[in-house]
Each structure stands twice: as structure tokens, then as C-alpha cells.
N, C-alpha and C. Protein backbone atom coordinates (compact mmCIF):
# COMPACT_ATOMS: atom_id res chain seq x y z
N UNK A 1 -18.09 56.56 48.95
CA UNK A 1 -17.44 55.69 48.01
C UNK A 1 -18.31 55.41 46.79
N UNK A 2 -18.76 56.45 46.10
CA UNK A 2 -19.59 56.22 44.92
C UNK A 2 -18.86 55.46 43.81
N UNK A 3 -17.52 55.54 43.78
CA UNK A 3 -16.79 54.85 42.71
C UNK A 3 -16.83 53.33 42.89
N UNK A 4 -17.21 52.83 44.07
CA UNK A 4 -17.28 51.39 44.34
C UNK A 4 -18.65 50.80 44.06
N UNK A 5 -19.65 51.64 43.74
CA UNK A 5 -21.01 51.14 43.55
C UNK A 5 -21.09 50.11 42.45
N UNK A 6 -21.73 48.99 42.76
CA UNK A 6 -21.95 47.97 41.76
C UNK A 6 -20.76 47.06 41.51
N UNK A 7 -19.63 47.39 42.07
CA UNK A 7 -18.44 46.57 41.86
C UNK A 7 -18.23 45.59 43.00
N UNK A 8 -18.87 45.83 44.13
CA UNK A 8 -18.65 44.97 45.29
C UNK A 8 -19.50 43.71 45.23
N UNK A 9 -20.65 43.79 44.63
CA UNK A 9 -21.54 42.62 44.55
C UNK A 9 -21.13 41.73 43.39
N UNK A 10 -21.05 40.44 43.66
CA UNK A 10 -20.69 39.49 42.60
C UNK A 10 -21.93 39.15 41.78
N UNK A 11 -21.71 38.44 40.67
CA UNK A 11 -22.81 38.09 39.78
C UNK A 11 -23.82 37.16 40.44
N UNK A 12 -23.34 36.22 41.29
CA UNK A 12 -24.29 35.32 41.94
C UNK A 12 -25.14 36.06 42.98
N UNK A 13 -24.58 37.07 43.62
CA UNK A 13 -25.35 37.89 44.57
C UNK A 13 -26.42 38.68 43.80
N UNK A 14 -26.03 39.25 42.68
CA UNK A 14 -26.98 40.02 41.87
C UNK A 14 -28.08 39.11 41.32
N UNK A 15 -27.75 37.88 40.98
CA UNK A 15 -28.78 36.96 40.49
C UNK A 15 -29.75 36.60 41.62
N UNK A 16 -29.25 36.53 42.85
CA UNK A 16 -30.14 36.28 43.98
C UNK A 16 -31.08 37.45 44.21
N UNK A 17 -30.57 38.68 44.06
CA UNK A 17 -31.42 39.88 44.16
C UNK A 17 -32.50 39.83 43.10
N UNK A 18 -32.12 39.47 41.88
CA UNK A 18 -33.07 39.42 40.77
C UNK A 18 -34.15 38.38 41.03
N UNK A 19 -33.74 37.22 41.53
CA UNK A 19 -34.71 36.16 41.85
C UNK A 19 -35.68 36.61 42.93
N UNK A 20 -35.14 37.26 43.96
CA UNK A 20 -35.99 37.77 45.05
C UNK A 20 -36.98 38.80 44.52
N UNK A 21 -36.54 39.66 43.62
CA UNK A 21 -37.43 40.70 43.10
C UNK A 21 -38.51 40.10 42.20
N UNK A 22 -38.17 39.06 41.45
CA UNK A 22 -39.18 38.39 40.62
C UNK A 22 -40.25 37.75 41.48
N UNK A 23 -39.84 37.15 42.59
CA UNK A 23 -40.81 36.57 43.53
C UNK A 23 -41.65 37.70 44.13
N UNK A 24 -41.01 38.80 44.45
CA UNK A 24 -41.69 39.97 45.03
C UNK A 24 -42.78 40.48 44.09
N UNK A 25 -42.49 40.53 42.80
CA UNK A 25 -43.47 41.04 41.84
C UNK A 25 -44.65 40.10 41.67
N UNK A 26 -44.42 38.79 41.76
CA UNK A 26 -45.49 37.80 41.62
C UNK A 26 -46.34 37.66 42.88
N UNK A 27 -45.79 38.08 44.02
CA UNK A 27 -46.45 37.85 45.31
C UNK A 27 -47.77 38.62 45.41
N UNK A 28 -48.74 38.02 46.09
CA UNK A 28 -50.01 38.72 46.32
C UNK A 28 -49.81 39.82 47.36
N UNK A 29 -50.52 40.91 47.17
CA UNK A 29 -50.41 42.02 48.10
C UNK A 29 -51.74 42.70 48.31
N UNK A 30 -51.72 43.77 49.06
CA UNK A 30 -52.93 44.54 49.35
C UNK A 30 -52.98 45.72 48.38
N UNK A 31 -53.93 45.70 47.46
CA UNK A 31 -53.99 46.74 46.42
C UNK A 31 -54.30 48.12 46.99
N UNK A 32 -54.98 48.17 48.13
CA UNK A 32 -55.48 49.45 48.63
C UNK A 32 -54.60 50.09 49.70
N UNK A 33 -53.59 49.41 50.16
CA UNK A 33 -52.73 49.95 51.21
C UNK A 33 -51.27 49.69 50.82
N UNK A 34 -50.54 50.75 50.49
CA UNK A 34 -49.17 50.61 50.01
C UNK A 34 -48.26 49.91 51.01
N UNK A 35 -48.35 50.31 52.27
CA UNK A 35 -47.46 49.76 53.29
C UNK A 35 -47.73 48.27 53.51
N UNK A 36 -49.00 47.91 53.63
CA UNK A 36 -49.35 46.50 53.81
C UNK A 36 -49.00 45.68 52.57
N UNK A 37 -49.11 46.30 51.40
CA UNK A 37 -48.78 45.63 50.15
C UNK A 37 -47.32 45.23 50.15
N UNK A 38 -46.44 46.17 50.43
CA UNK A 38 -45.00 45.90 50.43
C UNK A 38 -44.64 44.89 51.51
N UNK A 39 -45.23 45.06 52.69
CA UNK A 39 -44.94 44.16 53.81
C UNK A 39 -45.32 42.73 53.48
N UNK A 40 -46.52 42.54 52.93
CA UNK A 40 -46.96 41.18 52.63
C UNK A 40 -46.14 40.56 51.49
N UNK A 41 -45.73 41.38 50.54
CA UNK A 41 -44.90 40.86 49.45
C UNK A 41 -43.53 40.43 49.97
N UNK A 42 -42.94 41.23 50.84
CA UNK A 42 -41.63 40.89 51.41
C UNK A 42 -41.74 39.63 52.26
N UNK A 43 -42.83 39.50 53.01
CA UNK A 43 -43.06 38.28 53.79
C UNK A 43 -43.12 37.06 52.88
N UNK A 44 -43.78 37.21 51.74
CA UNK A 44 -43.91 36.11 50.78
C UNK A 44 -42.53 35.71 50.25
N UNK A 45 -41.68 36.69 49.95
CA UNK A 45 -40.33 36.42 49.46
C UNK A 45 -39.54 35.66 50.54
N UNK A 46 -39.68 36.09 51.79
CA UNK A 46 -38.95 35.45 52.89
C UNK A 46 -39.35 33.99 53.03
N UNK A 47 -40.64 33.71 52.93
CA UNK A 47 -41.11 32.33 53.06
C UNK A 47 -40.62 31.48 51.89
N UNK A 48 -40.75 32.01 50.68
CA UNK A 48 -40.39 31.22 49.50
C UNK A 48 -38.89 30.97 49.39
N UNK A 49 -38.06 31.93 49.81
CA UNK A 49 -36.61 31.77 49.72
C UNK A 49 -36.01 31.22 51.01
N UNK A 50 -36.87 30.95 52.01
CA UNK A 50 -36.44 30.43 53.31
C UNK A 50 -35.41 31.36 53.96
N UNK A 51 -35.78 32.65 54.03
CA UNK A 51 -34.95 33.68 54.65
C UNK A 51 -35.72 34.31 55.80
N UNK A 52 -35.01 35.12 56.58
CA UNK A 52 -35.72 35.94 57.56
C UNK A 52 -36.32 37.12 56.81
N UNK A 53 -37.26 37.78 57.44
CA UNK A 53 -37.90 38.93 56.79
C UNK A 53 -36.88 40.02 56.51
N UNK A 54 -35.96 40.22 57.44
CA UNK A 54 -34.94 41.25 57.28
C UNK A 54 -34.03 40.96 56.08
N UNK A 55 -33.66 39.70 55.89
CA UNK A 55 -32.81 39.34 54.76
C UNK A 55 -33.55 39.54 53.43
N UNK A 56 -34.83 39.18 53.41
CA UNK A 56 -35.62 39.35 52.20
C UNK A 56 -35.77 40.83 51.86
N UNK A 57 -36.03 41.63 52.87
CA UNK A 57 -36.18 43.08 52.67
C UNK A 57 -34.89 43.67 52.12
N UNK A 58 -33.77 43.24 52.66
CA UNK A 58 -32.46 43.74 52.21
C UNK A 58 -32.22 43.37 50.75
N UNK A 59 -32.58 42.17 50.34
CA UNK A 59 -32.38 41.77 48.94
C UNK A 59 -33.23 42.61 47.99
N UNK A 60 -34.46 42.89 48.39
CA UNK A 60 -35.34 43.72 47.57
C UNK A 60 -34.78 45.13 47.47
N UNK A 61 -34.37 45.68 48.59
CA UNK A 61 -33.83 47.05 48.60
C UNK A 61 -32.55 47.15 47.78
N UNK A 62 -31.69 46.13 47.88
CA UNK A 62 -30.45 46.13 47.10
C UNK A 62 -30.75 46.08 45.61
N UNK A 63 -31.72 45.26 45.21
CA UNK A 63 -32.08 45.17 43.80
C UNK A 63 -32.60 46.51 43.30
N UNK A 64 -33.48 47.13 44.07
CA UNK A 64 -34.05 48.41 43.64
C UNK A 64 -32.99 49.50 43.55
N UNK A 65 -32.05 49.52 44.49
CA UNK A 65 -30.96 50.50 44.45
C UNK A 65 -30.04 50.24 43.26
N UNK A 66 -29.78 48.97 42.98
CA UNK A 66 -28.94 48.59 41.85
C UNK A 66 -29.57 49.07 40.55
N UNK A 67 -30.89 48.89 40.40
CA UNK A 67 -31.58 49.33 39.20
C UNK A 67 -31.57 50.86 39.07
N UNK A 68 -31.71 51.56 40.19
CA UNK A 68 -31.63 53.03 40.17
C UNK A 68 -30.26 53.49 39.71
N UNK A 69 -29.21 52.82 40.20
CA UNK A 69 -27.86 53.19 39.82
C UNK A 69 -27.57 52.89 38.35
N UNK A 70 -28.17 51.83 37.83
CA UNK A 70 -28.03 51.53 36.39
C UNK A 70 -28.69 52.64 35.60
N UNK A 71 -29.86 53.06 36.04
CA UNK A 71 -30.61 54.11 35.33
C UNK A 71 -29.85 55.44 35.33
N UNK A 72 -29.20 55.73 36.44
CA UNK A 72 -28.42 56.97 36.55
C UNK A 72 -27.11 56.90 35.76
N UNK A 73 -26.71 55.69 35.38
CA UNK A 73 -25.48 55.52 34.65
C UNK A 73 -24.26 55.37 35.54
N UNK A 74 -24.49 55.15 36.83
CA UNK A 74 -23.38 55.01 37.78
C UNK A 74 -22.71 53.66 37.64
N UNK A 75 -23.50 52.61 37.38
CA UNK A 75 -22.95 51.25 37.23
C UNK A 75 -23.42 50.67 35.90
N UNK A 76 -22.72 49.62 35.49
CA UNK A 76 -23.14 48.88 34.29
C UNK A 76 -23.92 47.64 34.72
N UNK A 77 -24.90 47.23 33.95
CA UNK A 77 -25.70 46.05 34.34
C UNK A 77 -24.94 44.76 34.41
């Protein structure tokens, strides 16, 4: 269902993804280990947004996929 991409998420859901990603970027991480860096950043997002780790990870992944689809021209911002 590529024609549905970006149309299912509402604006408030997308704003939540954006907020989660901004927290993710500010979060402290491990500069020398990519996996530990991402893990610790996602943990930080979960604590700050009062979510489970799985929910925080999903919001980050959704934001990153949304940005990739914008770049490809599949969806509009």
C-alpha cells in the first residue's frame, strides 16, 4: 500500500514523532559505540516522554521513515 504512505498519520501524531526525535538528538549517547549510542538515546526519550522503550523506539523509527519518504518524494511534509 505505498499509495497510503503518510496519509494515515494525523498531524498531532507527526508532531509527537518530531518531538521524540528532537529529544533523541539532544540525548547523551556513547560516541564510540553505535549500538549503545542509539539504545541510550532511545532510553532517554522513553524516560522524558514517560513511554515504554518500545513505544519510544517506534516513534523514532516512524519519524525517520517519514523523513525518508519525504526525501524520496513519496509523501508531502
